[in-house]
Amino acid sequence: MARHLEANCQLCRRCGDKLMLKGNRCMTPKCVMERRHKTATVGSRGRRRRVSERGTQLIEKQKARYIYGLYERQFRRFYGISAKQPGITGDNLKVMLERRLDNVVYRLGLADSRPLARQLVLHGHIMVNGHRVNVPSALVSEGDAVNVREASLKKAYFKKVAEEIKSKAIPIWLILDRAALSGKVVALPVVDETVAQFNGKSIVEYYSR
């Protein structure tokens, strides 16, 4: 599991964008980016340093890493695989990252954040096609069934999830049985259906140098 020694909010501030690393908290006034925006609108005389083109590319690459919780070596491996696939490399990268098991658990609403989804996978609570999978980076395929392990459904956490999941929106490439806390990948995600907050073209330009 990728670990960052800095606070999650510090990563958002560094990238200048809300990366949703704390789940629902990021949608409340407690979010550091909300407070930062409010302070900026009140009026600040501080000058922001101009970011170079290379710096902008680096920020986009770091955004993607932080959002999906990857070390540089892991991210570079995903990029290398994406570059060898037909089509646009930046789009291929986004689709691959969305296919990660921990991301699918997050997208299904079984966790409020990707870090929490990664923890659920690592602790063996998630099943794929009837088999327990504890590798967050495992890639799902079209037709794969993802569900919570039957023994784990008795835990207080998943009882709470069963109540809260009723109001969560699910992407169209997934279907969810809210009562059983199980889902299925009905199609592979396409770029328009991902809400990743990074620029794939900038990442390609960063690694092309």
N, C-alpha and C. Protein backbone atom coordinates (compact mmCIF):
# COMPACT_ATOMS: atom_id res chain seq x y z
N MET A 1 0.84 -1.18 0.00
CA MET A 1 0.00 0.00 0.00
C MET A 1 0.88 1.24 0.00
N ALA A 2 0.56 2.21 -0.87
CA ALA A 2 1.35 3.43 -0.96
C ALA A 2 1.05 4.33 0.23
N ARG A 3 2.10 4.82 0.86
CA ARG A 3 1.92 5.68 2.01
C ARG A 3 2.55 7.04 1.74
N HIS A 4 1.88 8.08 2.16
CA HIS A 4 2.44 9.42 2.08
C HIS A 4 2.66 9.90 3.51
N LEU A 5 3.84 10.44 3.76
CA LEU A 5 4.16 10.86 5.11
C LEU A 5 3.50 12.18 5.48
N GLU A 6 3.07 12.92 4.46
CA GLU A 6 2.41 14.19 4.72
C GLU A 6 0.92 13.98 4.96
N ALA A 7 0.29 14.97 5.60
CA ALA A 7 -1.16 14.91 5.80
C ALA A 7 -1.85 14.99 4.45
N ASN A 8 -3.00 14.32 4.33
CA ASN A 8 -3.72 14.32 3.06
C ASN A 8 -4.06 15.72 2.60
N CYS A 9 -4.45 16.57 3.54
CA CYS A 9 -4.83 17.94 3.18
C CYS A 9 -3.64 18.71 2.61
N GLN A 10 -2.43 18.37 3.09
CA GLN A 10 -1.24 19.03 2.58
C GLN A 10 -1.01 18.65 1.11
N LEU A 11 -1.35 17.43 0.74
CA LEU A 11 -1.21 17.00 -0.65
C LEU A 11 -2.16 17.78 -1.54
N CYS A 12 -3.37 18.01 -1.06
CA CYS A 12 -4.34 18.80 -1.83
C CYS A 12 -3.84 20.23 -2.01
N ARG A 13 -3.30 20.81 -0.96
CA ARG A 13 -2.79 22.17 -1.03
C ARG A 13 -1.62 22.26 -1.99
N ARG A 14 -0.78 21.25 -1.98
CA ARG A 14 0.39 21.26 -2.87
C ARG A 14 -0.05 21.24 -4.33
N CYS A 15 -1.09 20.46 -4.64
CA CYS A 15 -1.56 20.35 -6.02
C CYS A 15 -2.53 21.47 -6.39
N GLY A 16 -3.02 22.19 -5.38
CA GLY A 16 -3.97 23.26 -5.65
C GLY A 16 -5.33 22.78 -6.08
N ASP A 17 -5.70 21.57 -5.68
CA ASP A 17 -6.98 21.01 -6.09
C ASP A 17 -7.48 20.05 -5.02
N LYS A 18 -8.78 19.84 -4.99
CA LYS A 18 -9.39 18.91 -4.05
C LYS A 18 -9.28 17.51 -4.61
N LEU A 19 -8.54 16.63 -3.92
CA LEU A 19 -8.27 15.29 -4.42
C LEU A 19 -9.15 14.21 -3.80
N MET A 20 -10.06 14.60 -2.93
CA MET A 20 -11.01 13.67 -2.30
C MET A 20 -10.32 12.55 -1.55
N LEU A 21 -9.27 12.88 -0.81
CA LEU A 21 -8.50 11.87 -0.09
C LEU A 21 -9.12 11.53 1.27
N LYS A 22 -10.06 12.36 1.73
CA LYS A 22 -10.70 12.10 3.02
C LYS A 22 -12.18 11.79 2.89
N GLY A 23 -12.59 11.42 1.71
CA GLY A 23 -13.98 11.01 1.51
C GLY A 23 -14.98 12.12 1.74
N ASN A 24 -16.02 11.84 2.50
CA ASN A 24 -17.11 12.80 2.70
C ASN A 24 -16.66 14.09 3.37
N ARG A 25 -15.61 14.04 4.15
CA ARG A 25 -15.10 15.25 4.81
C ARG A 25 -14.71 16.31 3.78
N CYS A 26 -14.27 15.85 2.61
CA CYS A 26 -13.84 16.78 1.57
C CYS A 26 -15.02 17.59 1.00
N MET A 27 -16.23 17.14 1.27
CA MET A 27 -17.42 17.84 0.77
C MET A 27 -18.01 18.78 1.81
N THR A 28 -17.33 18.95 2.94
CA THR A 28 -17.84 19.80 4.02
C THR A 28 -16.98 21.06 4.14
N PRO A 29 -17.45 22.06 4.89
CA PRO A 29 -16.67 23.28 5.11
C PRO A 29 -15.35 23.02 5.84
N LYS A 30 -15.19 21.82 6.43
CA LYS A 30 -13.95 21.50 7.13
C LYS A 30 -12.79 21.25 6.17
N CYS A 31 -13.11 21.03 4.89
CA CYS A 31 -12.07 20.78 3.89
C CYS A 31 -11.13 21.96 3.81
N VAL A 32 -9.83 21.70 3.85
CA VAL A 32 -8.84 22.76 3.83
C VAL A 32 -8.91 23.56 2.54
N MET A 33 -9.29 22.94 1.42
CA MET A 33 -9.39 23.66 0.16
C MET A 33 -10.57 24.62 0.15
N GLU A 34 -11.64 24.26 0.86
CA GLU A 34 -12.78 25.16 0.98
C GLU A 34 -12.39 26.39 1.79
N ARG A 35 -11.67 26.16 2.89
CA ARG A 35 -11.22 27.27 3.72
C ARG A 35 -10.23 28.15 2.97
N ARG A 36 -9.38 27.50 2.19
CA ARG A 36 -8.39 28.25 1.43
C ARG A 36 -9.06 29.13 0.39
N HIS A 37 -10.09 28.56 -0.29
CA HIS A 37 -10.81 29.33 -1.30
C HIS A 37 -11.53 30.52 -0.67
N LYS A 38 -12.13 30.29 0.50
CA LYS A 38 -12.83 31.36 1.19
C LYS A 38 -11.89 32.48 1.58
N THR A 39 -10.71 32.11 2.07
CA THR A 39 -9.72 33.11 2.45
C THR A 39 -9.25 33.91 1.25
N ALA A 40 -9.10 33.22 0.10
CA ALA A 40 -8.62 33.89 -1.10
C ALA A 40 -9.64 34.89 -1.62
N THR A 41 -10.95 34.56 -1.50
CA THR A 41 -11.97 35.46 -2.00
C THR A 41 -12.14 36.67 -1.11
N VAL A 42 -11.84 36.52 0.18
CA VAL A 42 -11.92 37.67 1.09
C VAL A 42 -10.89 38.71 0.69
N GLY A 43 -9.75 38.24 0.22
CA GLY A 43 -8.73 39.18 -0.23
C GLY A 43 -7.38 38.85 0.33
N SER A 44 -6.46 38.54 -0.54
CA SER A 44 -5.10 38.25 -0.12
C SER A 44 -4.14 38.96 -1.05
N ARG A 45 -3.19 39.65 -0.46
CA ARG A 45 -2.24 40.40 -1.28
C ARG A 45 -1.01 39.58 -1.66
N GLY A 46 -0.99 38.34 -1.20
CA GLY A 46 0.16 37.49 -1.53
C GLY A 46 0.18 37.15 -3.01
N ARG A 47 1.34 37.04 -3.59
CA ARG A 47 1.49 36.75 -5.01
C ARG A 47 1.86 35.28 -5.18
N ARG A 48 1.16 34.65 -6.09
CA ARG A 48 1.45 33.25 -6.37
C ARG A 48 2.58 33.16 -7.39
N ARG A 49 3.53 32.30 -7.12
CA ARG A 49 4.65 32.14 -8.02
C ARG A 49 4.18 31.49 -9.32
N ARG A 50 4.69 32.00 -10.42
CA ARG A 50 4.31 31.45 -11.72
C ARG A 50 4.92 30.06 -11.89
N VAL A 51 4.09 29.13 -12.34
CA VAL A 51 4.54 27.75 -12.51
C VAL A 51 4.95 27.53 -13.96
N SER A 52 6.11 26.93 -14.17
CA SER A 52 6.59 26.66 -15.51
C SER A 52 5.78 25.53 -16.15
N GLU A 53 5.97 25.34 -17.44
CA GLU A 53 5.27 24.27 -18.15
C GLU A 53 5.65 22.90 -17.57
N ARG A 54 6.94 22.73 -17.28
CA ARG A 54 7.41 21.49 -16.68
C ARG A 54 6.80 21.29 -15.29
N GLY A 55 6.69 22.39 -14.55
CA GLY A 55 6.09 22.32 -13.22
C GLY A 55 4.63 21.93 -13.29
N THR A 56 3.91 22.44 -14.28
CA THR A 56 2.50 22.09 -14.46
C THR A 56 2.35 20.61 -14.77
N GLN A 57 3.24 20.10 -15.62
CA GLN A 57 3.21 18.67 -15.96
C GLN A 57 3.47 17.82 -14.73
N LEU A 58 4.42 18.25 -13.91
CA LEU A 58 4.73 17.51 -12.68
C LEU A 58 3.54 17.50 -11.73
N ILE A 59 2.86 18.64 -11.60
CA ILE A 59 1.70 18.73 -10.73
C ILE A 59 0.61 17.76 -11.18
N GLU A 60 0.37 17.67 -12.49
CA GLU A 60 -0.66 16.77 -13.00
C GLU A 60 -0.30 15.31 -12.72
N LYS A 61 0.99 14.99 -12.86
CA LYS A 61 1.43 13.63 -12.59
C LYS A 61 1.27 13.30 -11.11
N GLN A 62 1.62 14.25 -10.25
CA GLN A 62 1.50 14.04 -8.81
C GLN A 62 0.03 13.94 -8.39
N LYS A 63 -0.83 14.70 -9.02
CA LYS A 63 -2.27 14.60 -8.74
C LYS A 63 -2.75 13.17 -8.95
N ALA A 64 -2.40 12.62 -10.11
CA ALA A 64 -2.85 11.26 -10.42
C ALA A 64 -2.31 10.26 -9.40
N ARG A 65 -1.05 10.41 -9.02
CA ARG A 65 -0.45 9.52 -8.03
C ARG A 65 -1.16 9.61 -6.70
N TYR A 66 -1.41 10.83 -6.24
CA TYR A 66 -2.04 11.02 -4.94
C TYR A 66 -3.48 10.52 -4.94
N ILE A 67 -4.21 10.80 -6.02
CA ILE A 67 -5.62 10.39 -6.10
C ILE A 67 -5.75 8.87 -5.95
N TYR A 68 -4.89 8.13 -6.66
CA TYR A 68 -4.99 6.68 -6.66
C TYR A 68 -4.04 6.01 -5.66
N GLY A 69 -3.24 6.82 -4.95
CA GLY A 69 -2.39 6.30 -3.88
C GLY A 69 -1.26 5.41 -4.35
N LEU A 70 -0.49 5.87 -5.34
CA LEU A 70 0.58 5.06 -5.91
C LEU A 70 1.96 5.65 -5.64
N TYR A 71 2.92 4.78 -5.47
CA TYR A 71 4.32 5.20 -5.46
C TYR A 71 4.71 5.54 -6.90
N GLU A 72 5.80 6.28 -7.05
CA GLU A 72 6.26 6.66 -8.39
C GLU A 72 6.55 5.42 -9.25
N ARG A 73 7.18 4.42 -8.65
CA ARG A 73 7.52 3.21 -9.42
C ARG A 73 6.27 2.51 -9.91
N GLN A 74 5.25 2.43 -9.05
CA GLN A 74 3.99 1.79 -9.45
C GLN A 74 3.32 2.58 -10.56
N PHE A 75 3.31 3.90 -10.39
CA PHE A 75 2.65 4.75 -11.39
C PHE A 75 3.36 4.66 -12.74
N ARG A 76 4.69 4.65 -12.69
CA ARG A 76 5.46 4.57 -13.93
C ARG A 76 5.18 3.25 -14.65
N ARG A 77 4.97 2.18 -13.89
CA ARG A 77 4.64 0.89 -14.50
C ARG A 77 3.30 0.95 -15.21
N PHE A 78 2.31 1.56 -14.58
CA PHE A 78 1.00 1.74 -15.21
C PHE A 78 1.13 2.58 -16.49
N TYR A 79 1.96 3.62 -16.40
CA TYR A 79 2.15 4.47 -17.58
C TYR A 79 2.79 3.68 -18.71
N GLY A 80 3.81 2.86 -18.38
CA GLY A 80 4.49 2.07 -19.40
C GLY A 80 3.55 1.11 -20.11
N ILE A 81 2.65 0.47 -19.34
CA ILE A 81 1.66 -0.44 -19.94
C ILE A 81 0.71 0.34 -20.84
N SER A 82 0.28 1.50 -20.38
CA SER A 82 -0.66 2.33 -21.15
C SER A 82 -0.05 2.79 -22.46
N ALA A 83 1.27 3.10 -22.42
CA ALA A 83 1.94 3.60 -23.62
C ALA A 83 2.04 2.53 -24.70
N LYS A 84 2.04 1.26 -24.32
CA LYS A 84 2.16 0.16 -25.28
C LYS A 84 0.82 -0.24 -25.87
N GLN A 85 -0.27 0.24 -25.30
CA GLN A 85 -1.60 -0.10 -25.79
C GLN A 85 -1.98 0.81 -26.95
N PRO A 86 -2.82 0.34 -27.86
CA PRO A 86 -3.27 1.20 -28.96
C PRO A 86 -4.15 2.32 -28.43
N GLY A 87 -4.14 3.44 -29.13
CA GLY A 87 -4.97 4.57 -28.70
C GLY A 87 -4.15 5.65 -28.04
N ILE A 88 -4.83 6.56 -27.36
CA ILE A 88 -4.19 7.70 -26.71
C ILE A 88 -3.67 7.28 -25.34
N THR A 89 -2.38 7.47 -25.11
CA THR A 89 -1.75 6.99 -23.88
C THR A 89 -2.39 7.57 -22.63
N GLY A 90 -2.67 8.88 -22.63
CA GLY A 90 -3.27 9.51 -21.46
C GLY A 90 -4.63 8.93 -21.12
N ASP A 91 -5.42 8.63 -22.16
CA ASP A 91 -6.74 8.03 -21.94
C ASP A 91 -6.60 6.59 -21.46
N ASN A 92 -5.65 5.87 -22.04
CA ASN A 92 -5.42 4.48 -21.60
C ASN A 92 -5.05 4.44 -20.11
N LEU A 93 -4.23 5.41 -19.70
CA LEU A 93 -3.79 5.47 -18.30
C LEU A 93 -4.98 5.70 -17.38
N LYS A 94 -5.86 6.61 -17.74
CA LYS A 94 -7.04 6.89 -16.91
C LYS A 94 -7.92 5.65 -16.76
N VAL A 95 -8.11 4.93 -17.87
CA VAL A 95 -8.95 3.73 -17.83
C VAL A 95 -8.32 2.66 -16.95
N MET A 96 -7.00 2.48 -17.07
CA MET A 96 -6.32 1.47 -16.26
C MET A 96 -6.43 1.79 -14.78
N LEU A 97 -6.24 3.04 -14.42
CA LEU A 97 -6.32 3.43 -13.01
C LEU A 97 -7.73 3.23 -12.47
N GLU A 98 -8.74 3.49 -13.31
CA GLU A 98 -10.12 3.28 -12.88
C GLU A 98 -10.43 1.81 -12.69
N ARG A 99 -9.71 0.94 -13.38
CA ARG A 99 -9.98 -0.51 -13.29
C ARG A 99 -9.34 -1.15 -12.06
N ARG A 100 -8.54 -0.41 -11.32
CA ARG A 100 -7.95 -0.97 -10.10
C ARG A 100 -9.06 -1.41 -9.15
N LEU A 101 -8.84 -2.52 -8.46
CA LEU A 101 -9.86 -3.06 -7.57
C LEU A 101 -10.22 -2.09 -6.46
N ASP A 102 -9.23 -1.44 -5.86
CA ASP A 102 -9.56 -0.51 -4.78
C ASP A 102 -10.40 0.65 -5.29
N ASN A 103 -10.16 1.09 -6.53
CA ASN A 103 -10.98 2.16 -7.09
C ASN A 103 -12.40 1.68 -7.36
N VAL A 104 -12.55 0.44 -7.83
CA VAL A 104 -13.88 -0.10 -8.10
C VAL A 104 -14.68 -0.21 -6.80
N VAL A 105 -14.02 -0.62 -5.72
CA VAL A 105 -14.68 -0.69 -4.41
C VAL A 105 -15.15 0.70 -4.00
N TYR A 106 -14.33 1.70 -4.25
CA TYR A 106 -14.69 3.09 -3.95
C TYR A 106 -15.84 3.55 -4.83
N ARG A 107 -15.77 3.27 -6.12
CA ARG A 107 -16.82 3.68 -7.06
C ARG A 107 -18.16 3.02 -6.75
N LEU A 108 -18.12 1.80 -6.21
CA LEU A 108 -19.37 1.12 -5.86
C LEU A 108 -19.99 1.68 -4.60
N GLY A 109 -19.26 2.55 -3.91
CA GLY A 109 -19.80 3.15 -2.69
C GLY A 109 -19.56 2.33 -1.44
N LEU A 110 -18.70 1.32 -1.53
CA LEU A 110 -18.40 0.49 -0.37
C LEU A 110 -17.41 1.15 0.57
N ALA A 111 -16.81 2.26 0.12
CA ALA A 111 -15.89 3.03 0.94
C ALA A 111 -16.03 4.49 0.55
N ASP A 112 -15.79 5.39 1.51
CA ASP A 112 -15.93 6.82 1.26
C ASP A 112 -14.72 7.42 0.56
N SER A 113 -13.61 6.69 0.56
CA SER A 113 -12.39 7.20 -0.06
C SER A 113 -11.59 6.04 -0.61
N ARG A 114 -10.68 6.33 -1.51
CA ARG A 114 -9.83 5.27 -2.05
C ARG A 114 -8.89 4.69 -1.00
N PRO A 115 -8.30 5.51 -0.12
CA PRO A 115 -7.46 4.90 0.93
C PRO A 115 -8.22 3.89 1.79
N LEU A 116 -9.48 4.19 2.11
CA LEU A 116 -10.28 3.26 2.89
C LEU A 116 -10.60 2.02 2.07
N ALA A 117 -10.91 2.21 0.78
CA ALA A 117 -11.19 1.07 -0.10
C ALA A 117 -9.96 0.16 -0.19
N ARG A 118 -8.78 0.77 -0.26
CA ARG A 118 -7.54 -0.02 -0.32
C ARG A 118 -7.38 -0.85 0.94
N GLN A 119 -7.74 -0.28 2.07
CA GLN A 119 -7.63 -0.99 3.34
C GLN A 119 -8.60 -2.17 3.38
N LEU A 120 -9.80 -1.98 2.87
CA LEU A 120 -10.79 -3.07 2.85
C LEU A 120 -10.27 -4.24 2.01
N VAL A 121 -9.66 -3.92 0.88
CA VAL A 121 -9.12 -4.98 0.01
C VAL A 121 -7.97 -5.69 0.71
N LEU A 122 -7.05 -4.94 1.30
CA LEU A 122 -5.89 -5.53 1.96
C LEU A 122 -6.28 -6.45 3.12
N HIS A 123 -7.38 -6.11 3.80
CA HIS A 123 -7.82 -6.90 4.95
C HIS A 123 -8.69 -8.10 4.54
N GLY A 124 -8.86 -8.31 3.24
CA GLY A 124 -9.55 -9.50 2.76
C GLY A 124 -11.07 -9.44 2.82
N HIS A 125 -11.65 -8.25 2.83
CA HIS A 125 -13.11 -8.14 2.90
C HIS A 125 -13.78 -8.22 1.52
N ILE A 126 -12.99 -8.17 0.45
CA ILE A 126 -13.56 -8.07 -0.89
C ILE A 126 -13.34 -9.35 -1.69
N MET A 127 -14.38 -9.76 -2.38
CA MET A 127 -14.34 -10.96 -3.24
C MET A 127 -14.50 -10.53 -4.70
N VAL A 128 -13.78 -11.21 -5.59
CA VAL A 128 -13.93 -11.00 -7.03
C VAL A 128 -14.21 -12.35 -7.67
N ASN A 129 -15.36 -12.46 -8.28
CA ASN A 129 -15.78 -13.72 -8.92
C ASN A 129 -15.71 -14.90 -7.95
N GLY A 130 -16.11 -14.64 -6.69
CA GLY A 130 -16.17 -15.70 -5.69
C GLY A 130 -14.86 -16.01 -5.00
N HIS A 131 -13.80 -15.29 -5.32
CA HIS A 131 -12.49 -15.54 -4.71
C HIS A 131 -12.03 -14.28 -3.95
N ARG A 132 -11.47 -14.50 -2.77
CA ARG A 132 -10.98 -13.37 -2.01
C ARG A 132 -9.73 -12.81 -2.69
N VAL A 133 -9.71 -11.49 -2.89
CA VAL A 133 -8.57 -10.82 -3.52
C VAL A 133 -8.10 -9.72 -2.57
N ASN A 134 -6.84 -9.77 -2.19
CA ASN A 134 -6.30 -8.76 -1.27
C ASN A 134 -5.20 -7.91 -1.90
N VAL A 135 -5.29 -7.77 -3.23
CA VAL A 135 -4.31 -6.95 -3.97
C VAL A 135 -5.05 -5.72 -4.53
N PRO A 136 -4.87 -4.56 -3.95
CA PRO A 136 -5.60 -3.36 -4.39
C PRO A 136 -5.36 -3.01 -5.85
N SER A 137 -4.18 -3.33 -6.38
CA SER A 137 -3.84 -2.95 -7.76
C SER A 137 -4.37 -3.93 -8.80
N ALA A 138 -5.03 -5.01 -8.37
CA ALA A 138 -5.58 -5.97 -9.32
C ALA A 138 -6.57 -5.27 -10.24
N LEU A 139 -6.50 -5.57 -11.54
CA LEU A 139 -7.37 -4.92 -12.51
C LEU A 139 -8.61 -5.77 -12.77
N VAL A 140 -9.77 -5.15 -12.69
CA VAL A 140 -11.01 -5.86 -12.98
C VAL A 140 -11.24 -5.86 -14.48
N SER A 141 -12.03 -6.80 -14.95
CA SER A 141 -12.38 -6.90 -16.36
C SER A 141 -13.89 -6.87 -16.52
N GLU A 142 -14.32 -6.66 -17.74
CA GLU A 142 -15.76 -6.65 -18.01
C GLU A 142 -16.37 -7.99 -17.62
N GLY A 143 -17.45 -7.96 -16.87
CA GLY A 143 -18.13 -9.17 -16.44
C GLY A 143 -17.74 -9.63 -15.05
N ASP A 144 -16.73 -9.03 -14.46
CA ASP A 144 -16.29 -9.42 -13.12
C ASP A 144 -17.33 -9.01 -12.07
N ALA A 145 -17.54 -9.90 -11.09
CA ALA A 145 -18.44 -9.62 -9.97
C ALA A 145 -17.60 -9.27 -8.75
N VAL A 146 -17.95 -8.19 -8.10
CA VAL A 146 -17.23 -7.71 -6.91
C VAL A 146 -18.21 -7.61 -5.76
N ASN A 147 -17.90 -8.24 -4.65
CA ASN A 147 -18.82 -8.19 -3.52
C ASN A 147 -18.06 -8.27 -2.20
N VAL A 148 -18.76 -7.92 -1.13
CA VAL A 148 -18.21 -8.01 0.21
C VAL A 148 -18.28 -9.46 0.68
N ARG A 149 -17.22 -9.94 1.30
CA ARG A 149 -17.19 -11.32 1.81
C ARG A 149 -18.34 -11.53 2.80
N GLU A 150 -19.00 -12.65 2.71
CA GLU A 150 -20.19 -12.92 3.52
C GLU A 150 -19.93 -12.75 5.01
N ALA A 151 -18.79 -13.24 5.49
CA ALA A 151 -18.48 -13.11 6.91
C ALA A 151 -18.29 -11.66 7.33
N SER A 152 -17.87 -10.81 6.39
CA SER A 152 -17.61 -9.40 6.71
C SER A 152 -18.90 -8.59 6.79
N LEU A 153 -19.97 -9.09 6.19
CA LEU A 153 -21.24 -8.35 6.19
C LEU A 153 -21.79 -8.16 7.61
N LYS A 154 -21.35 -9.00 8.56
CA LYS A 154 -21.82 -8.91 9.93
C LYS A 154 -21.14 -7.80 10.71
N LYS A 155 -20.07 -7.26 10.17
CA LYS A 155 -19.33 -6.22 10.88
C LYS A 155 -20.10 -4.91 10.89
N ALA A 156 -19.89 -4.14 11.95
CA ALA A 156 -20.62 -2.87 12.12
C ALA A 156 -20.36 -1.92 10.96
N TYR A 157 -19.14 -1.93 10.43
CA TYR A 157 -18.81 -1.01 9.33
C TYR A 157 -19.71 -1.25 8.13
N PHE A 158 -19.88 -2.51 7.73
CA PHE A 158 -20.66 -2.80 6.54
C PHE A 158 -22.17 -2.65 6.79
N LYS A 159 -22.58 -2.78 8.03
CA LYS A 159 -23.99 -2.49 8.35
C LYS A 159 -24.26 -0.99 8.15
N LYS A 160 -23.28 -0.19 8.50
CA LYS A 160 -23.40 1.26 8.29
C LYS A 160 -23.38 1.58 6.80
N VAL A 161 -22.50 0.90 6.06
CA VAL A 161 -22.42 1.10 4.61
C VAL A 161 -23.75 0.77 3.95
N ALA A 162 -24.40 -0.31 4.40
CA ALA A 162 -25.67 -0.73 3.82
C ALA A 162 -26.73 0.36 3.94
N GLU A 163 -26.65 1.16 4.99
CA GLU A 163 -27.60 2.26 5.18
C GLU A 163 -27.24 3.46 4.32
N GLU A 164 -25.95 3.79 4.27
CA GLU A 164 -25.51 5.00 3.58
C GLU A 164 -25.44 4.84 2.07
N ILE A 165 -25.30 3.60 1.58
CA ILE A 165 -25.08 3.37 0.16
C ILE A 165 -26.33 3.65 -0.67
N LYS A 166 -27.46 3.72 -0.01
CA LYS A 166 -28.72 3.94 -0.72
C LYS A 166 -28.75 5.26 -1.47
N SER A 167 -28.01 6.24 -0.99
CA SER A 167 -28.05 7.57 -1.60
C SER A 167 -26.85 7.85 -2.50
N LYS A 168 -25.99 6.87 -2.72
CA LYS A 168 -24.78 7.09 -3.51
C LYS A 168 -25.01 6.81 -4.99
N ALA A 169 -24.38 7.64 -5.82
CA ALA A 169 -24.48 7.48 -7.28
C ALA A 169 -23.37 6.54 -7.75
N ILE A 170 -23.70 5.68 -8.70
CA ILE A 170 -22.77 4.69 -9.21
C ILE A 170 -22.52 4.96 -10.69
N PRO A 171 -21.27 4.90 -11.17
CA PRO A 171 -21.01 5.11 -12.60
C PRO A 171 -21.71 4.08 -13.47
N ILE A 172 -21.98 4.44 -14.71
CA ILE A 172 -22.80 3.58 -15.57
C ILE A 172 -22.07 2.31 -16.00
N TRP A 173 -20.76 2.25 -15.82
CA TRP A 173 -20.05 1.02 -16.21
C TRP A 173 -20.08 -0.02 -15.09
N LEU A 174 -20.74 0.32 -13.98
CA LEU A 174 -20.91 -0.60 -12.87
C LEU A 174 -22.39 -0.72 -12.53
N ILE A 175 -22.79 -1.89 -12.02
CA ILE A 175 -24.13 -2.03 -11.44
C ILE A 175 -23.95 -2.51 -10.01
N LEU A 176 -24.91 -2.13 -9.17
CA LEU A 176 -24.78 -2.42 -7.74
C LEU A 176 -26.07 -2.99 -7.19
N ASP A 177 -25.96 -4.07 -6.46
CA ASP A 177 -27.06 -4.61 -5.67
C ASP A 177 -26.89 -4.03 -4.27
N ARG A 178 -27.64 -2.99 -3.95
CA ARG A 178 -27.43 -2.27 -2.70
C ARG A 178 -27.77 -3.12 -1.47
N ALA A 179 -28.70 -4.04 -1.63
CA ALA A 179 -29.08 -4.89 -0.50
C ALA A 179 -27.99 -5.91 -0.17
N ALA A 180 -27.36 -6.45 -1.21
CA ALA A 180 -26.35 -7.49 -1.01
C ALA A 180 -24.94 -6.94 -0.93
N LEU A 181 -24.78 -5.63 -1.17
CA LEU A 181 -23.46 -4.99 -1.22
C LEU A 181 -22.56 -5.73 -2.21
N SER A 182 -23.10 -5.95 -3.40
CA SER A 182 -22.34 -6.61 -4.45
C SER A 182 -22.53 -5.83 -5.75
N GLY A 183 -21.51 -5.88 -6.59
CA GLY A 183 -21.58 -5.15 -7.84
C GLY A 183 -21.01 -5.96 -8.99
N LYS A 184 -21.15 -5.43 -10.19
CA LYS A 184 -20.63 -6.10 -11.37
C LYS A 184 -20.11 -5.07 -12.35
N VAL A 185 -19.02 -5.42 -13.01
CA VAL A 185 -18.44 -4.54 -14.04
C VAL A 185 -19.13 -4.90 -15.36
N VAL A 186 -20.05 -4.07 -15.80
CA VAL A 186 -20.82 -4.38 -17.01
C VAL A 186 -20.11 -3.90 -18.27
N ALA A 187 -19.13 -3.03 -18.11
CA ALA A 187 -18.35 -2.55 -19.26
C ALA A 187 -17.07 -1.93 -18.71
N LEU A 188 -16.09 -1.77 -19.56
CA LEU A 188 -14.88 -1.09 -19.13
C LEU A 188 -15.14 0.42 -19.13
N PRO A 189 -14.56 1.14 -18.19
CA PRO A 189 -14.78 2.58 -18.14
C PRO A 189 -14.18 3.27 -19.36
N VAL A 190 -14.82 4.33 -19.79
CA VAL A 190 -14.26 5.17 -20.85
C VAL A 190 -13.92 6.52 -20.23
N VAL A 191 -13.12 7.29 -20.92
CA VAL A 191 -12.59 8.53 -20.34
C VAL A 191 -13.71 9.47 -19.92
N ASP A 192 -14.78 9.57 -20.70
CA ASP A 192 -15.87 10.48 -20.36
C ASP A 192 -16.57 10.09 -19.07
N GLU A 193 -16.47 8.80 -18.69
CA GLU A 193 -17.16 8.33 -17.49
C GLU A 193 -16.28 8.39 -16.25
N THR A 194 -15.01 8.71 -16.42
CA THR A 194 -14.12 8.85 -15.27
C THR A 194 -14.15 10.30 -14.82
N VAL A 195 -13.96 10.50 -13.55
CA VAL A 195 -13.96 11.88 -13.03
C VAL A 195 -12.58 12.21 -12.46
N ALA A 196 -11.57 11.55 -12.99
CA ALA A 196 -10.21 11.81 -12.54
C ALA A 196 -9.86 13.27 -12.80
N GLN A 197 -9.23 13.90 -11.81
CA GLN A 197 -8.99 15.33 -11.88
C GLN A 197 -7.59 15.67 -12.40
N PHE A 198 -7.07 14.86 -13.30
CA PHE A 198 -5.74 15.15 -13.81
C PHE A 198 -5.75 15.16 -15.34
N ASN A 199 -4.76 15.83 -15.90
CA ASN A 199 -4.65 15.97 -17.35
C ASN A 199 -3.71 14.89 -17.88
N GLY A 200 -4.26 13.92 -18.58
CA GLY A 200 -3.46 12.82 -19.09
C GLY A 200 -2.42 13.26 -20.09
N LYS A 201 -2.73 14.26 -20.89
CA LYS A 201 -1.79 14.76 -21.90
C LYS A 201 -0.54 15.33 -21.25
N SER A 202 -0.72 16.05 -20.14
CA SER A 202 0.42 16.63 -19.43
C SER A 202 1.34 15.55 -18.87
N ILE A 203 0.75 14.44 -18.42
CA ILE A 203 1.55 13.33 -17.88
C ILE A 203 2.37 12.69 -18.99
N VAL A 204 1.77 12.53 -20.16
CA VAL A 204 2.50 11.98 -21.31
C VAL A 204 3.67 12.89 -21.66
N GLU A 205 3.45 14.20 -21.66
CA GLU A 205 4.50 15.14 -21.99
C GLU A 205 5.61 15.10 -20.92
N TYR A 206 5.22 14.90 -19.67
CA TYR A 206 6.21 14.83 -18.59
C TYR A 206 7.16 13.65 -18.79
N TYR A 207 6.62 12.48 -19.10
CA TYR A 207 7.44 11.29 -19.25
C TYR A 207 8.13 11.22 -20.61
N SER A 208 7.71 12.05 -21.56
CA SER A 208 8.30 12.02 -22.90
C SER A 208 9.63 12.74 -22.97
N ARG A 209 9.97 13.51 -21.95
CA ARG A 209 11.23 14.27 -21.96
C ARG A 209 12.41 13.39 -21.64
